[in-house]
Amino acid sequence: MKLRAVLLALLMSCGFYVMIQTMKESTFQPIEWLYTEPDGTPYSSITFQQPGLHDRPPVTWKVDQAEEVDRLLQFLQAYDYERIDPDTLQLFDDQPIFTIHLHDESGNSMTILIEEGILIQNDRLYYEVVNGPLQVDWLMEFILSNKP
């Protein structure tokens, strides 16, 4: 009888641990990883890619201002993200998508697919905006203010 009680207690504690881990993962915010140093962000540049129209190549421009990188990251911190499996992701592949790429000196990157509300870290980790969609008005103002 004591063995059953011990096994039941062990089973309940393992179930409680799994429940807590699941709750932590469901409100996961990858943006916390961006600020690895207290004085700033590891990302140093932003590359904007505007889709080309009528078989034209996409228009791309780069911004190296730290203030603009911080502005974008502060905007992204207002949202909650959930990690998703890229195999189950259904993107509109037939339509060109406006993207924003953040880069740092060590080769790390984050891609933001604006229309989809998807963030991709280092081409491996996919996150979806949970409490979205992204505020397109703010993003359009941000993009236009940084366009050369």
Protein backbone atom coordinates (compact mmCIF):
# COMPACT_ATOMS: atom_id res chain seq x y z
CA MET A 1 0.00 0.00 0.00
CA LYS A 2 2.87 2.34 0.80
CA LEU A 3 4.40 1.59 -2.59
CA ARG A 4 1.17 2.66 -4.33
CA ALA A 5 1.11 5.90 -2.35
CA VAL A 6 4.73 6.66 -3.28
CA LEU A 7 4.09 5.89 -6.96
CA LEU A 8 0.95 8.02 -6.94
CA ALA A 9 2.81 10.93 -5.32
CA LEU A 10 5.64 10.59 -7.85
CA LEU A 11 3.17 10.50 -10.74
CA MET A 12 1.35 13.58 -9.45
CA SER A 13 4.57 15.55 -8.98
CA CYS A 14 5.75 14.67 -12.50
CA GLY A 15 2.38 15.72 -13.91
CA PHE A 16 2.55 19.00 -12.01
CA TYR A 17 6.07 19.64 -13.36
CA VAL A 18 4.96 18.98 -16.95
CA MET A 19 1.95 21.27 -16.49
CA ILE A 20 4.17 24.13 -15.24
CA GLN A 21 6.63 23.67 -18.12
CA THR A 22 3.78 23.71 -20.64
CA MET A 23 2.40 26.94 -19.19
CA LYS A 24 5.83 28.57 -19.36
CA GLU A 25 6.27 27.58 -23.01
CA SER A 26 2.85 28.84 -24.07
CA THR A 27 3.63 32.43 -23.02
CA PHE A 28 7.22 32.31 -24.28
CA GLN A 29 8.61 35.56 -25.59
CA PRO A 30 11.71 35.25 -27.80
CA ILE A 31 12.25 39.01 -27.53
CA GLU A 32 13.82 38.52 -24.10
CA TRP A 33 16.74 36.81 -25.83
CA LEU A 34 17.49 39.91 -27.86
CA TYR A 35 18.69 41.96 -24.91
CA THR A 36 21.61 39.84 -23.82
CA GLU A 37 23.59 42.81 -22.54
CA PRO A 38 22.15 45.40 -20.16
CA ASP A 39 23.37 48.38 -22.19
CA GLY A 40 21.71 47.53 -25.48
CA THR A 41 20.78 45.02 -28.11
CA PRO A 42 22.99 42.55 -29.97
CA TYR A 43 21.33 43.45 -33.27
CA SER A 44 23.14 46.20 -35.12
CA SER A 45 21.31 46.60 -38.43
CA ILE A 46 17.93 46.29 -40.08
CA THR A 47 17.39 45.25 -43.68
CA PHE A 48 14.02 45.98 -45.25
CA GLN A 49 12.82 44.00 -48.26
CA GLN A 50 9.88 45.35 -50.20
CA PRO A 51 8.43 42.83 -52.68
CA GLY A 52 8.78 43.66 -56.32
CA LEU A 53 5.70 44.23 -58.43
CA HIS A 54 5.06 42.84 -61.91
CA ASP A 55 8.18 40.65 -62.20
CA ARG A 56 10.49 43.35 -60.84
CA PRO A 57 13.15 42.41 -58.30
CA PRO A 58 12.46 43.26 -54.65
CA VAL A 59 13.67 46.61 -53.32
CA THR A 60 16.09 46.26 -50.40
CA TRP A 61 17.67 48.85 -48.12
CA LYS A 62 19.68 48.71 -44.91
CA VAL A 63 19.63 50.85 -41.75
CA ASP A 64 22.56 50.76 -39.29
CA GLN A 65 21.22 53.16 -36.65
CA ALA A 66 21.08 51.63 -33.16
CA GLU A 67 18.16 53.90 -32.21
CA GLU A 68 16.02 52.46 -35.00
CA VAL A 69 16.90 48.89 -34.01
CA ASP A 70 15.89 49.67 -30.42
CA ARG A 71 12.66 51.29 -31.60
CA LEU A 72 11.69 48.16 -33.53
CA LEU A 73 12.57 45.85 -30.63
CA GLN A 74 10.54 47.94 -28.20
CA PHE A 75 7.57 47.68 -30.55
CA LEU A 76 7.96 43.90 -30.77
CA GLN A 77 8.10 43.57 -26.98
CA ALA A 78 4.46 44.64 -26.75
CA TYR A 79 3.40 41.26 -28.15
CA ASP A 80 3.37 37.71 -26.83
CA TYR A 81 4.78 34.93 -28.98
CA GLU A 82 4.27 31.21 -29.21
CA ARG A 83 6.80 28.84 -30.67
CA ILE A 84 5.39 26.95 -33.64
CA ASP A 85 6.49 24.02 -35.75
CA PRO A 86 7.64 25.23 -39.20
CA ASP A 87 6.26 22.05 -40.80
CA THR A 88 2.71 22.97 -39.78
CA LEU A 89 3.09 26.60 -40.85
CA GLN A 90 0.99 27.59 -43.84
CA LEU A 91 2.37 30.71 -45.49
CA PHE A 92 1.05 32.40 -48.57
CA ASP A 93 3.95 31.23 -50.76
CA ASP A 94 2.48 32.52 -53.99
CA GLN A 95 2.37 36.13 -52.78
CA PRO A 96 5.42 38.32 -52.20
CA ILE A 97 5.77 39.29 -48.55
CA PHE A 98 7.27 42.42 -47.01
CA THR A 99 10.03 41.36 -44.61
CA ILE A 100 12.28 42.99 -42.04
CA HIS A 101 15.61 41.35 -41.17
CA LEU A 102 17.60 42.13 -38.02
CA HIS A 103 21.32 41.21 -38.06
CA ASP A 104 24.27 41.30 -35.67
CA GLU A 105 28.02 41.05 -36.17
CA SER A 106 28.21 37.37 -35.17
CA GLY A 107 25.77 36.21 -37.85
CA ASN A 108 22.59 35.92 -35.78
CA SER A 109 19.43 37.10 -37.46
CA MET A 110 15.72 37.53 -36.99
CA THR A 111 13.26 37.75 -39.86
CA ILE A 112 9.85 39.34 -39.41
CA LEU A 113 7.16 38.38 -41.91
CA ILE A 114 4.83 41.32 -41.46
CA GLU A 115 1.70 40.03 -43.18
CA GLU A 116 1.93 36.67 -41.42
CA GLY A 117 2.84 37.85 -37.92
CA ILE A 118 5.75 35.40 -37.86
CA LEU A 119 9.23 35.88 -36.37
CA ILE A 120 12.04 33.55 -37.42
CA GLN A 121 15.25 33.39 -35.39
CA ASN A 122 18.38 32.17 -37.17
CA ASP A 123 16.27 30.32 -39.80
CA ARG A 124 15.44 27.63 -37.21
CA LEU A 125 13.07 28.89 -34.53
CA TYR A 126 9.63 30.05 -35.62
CA TYR A 127 7.36 32.18 -33.43
CA GLU A 128 3.85 33.45 -34.06
CA VAL A 129 2.28 36.55 -32.56
CA VAL A 130 -0.37 35.40 -30.10
CA ASN A 131 -2.04 38.69 -29.19
CA GLY A 132 -1.84 40.20 -32.67
CA PRO A 133 -2.05 41.07 -35.44
CA LEU A 134 0.92 43.43 -35.58
CA GLN A 135 0.01 47.12 -35.74
CA VAL A 136 0.45 47.77 -39.43
CA ASP A 137 0.08 51.56 -39.04
CA TRP A 138 3.10 51.74 -36.72
CA LEU A 139 5.11 49.41 -38.95
CA MET A 140 4.32 51.43 -42.08
CA GLU A 141 5.38 54.66 -40.35
CA PHE A 142 8.57 52.94 -39.18
CA ILE A 143 9.35 51.59 -42.66
CA LEU A 144 8.65 54.90 -44.39
CA SER A 145 10.71 56.87 -41.87
CA ASN A 146 13.70 54.60 -42.62
CA LYS A 147 13.33 54.44 -46.40
CA PRO A 148 16.09 56.34 -48.22
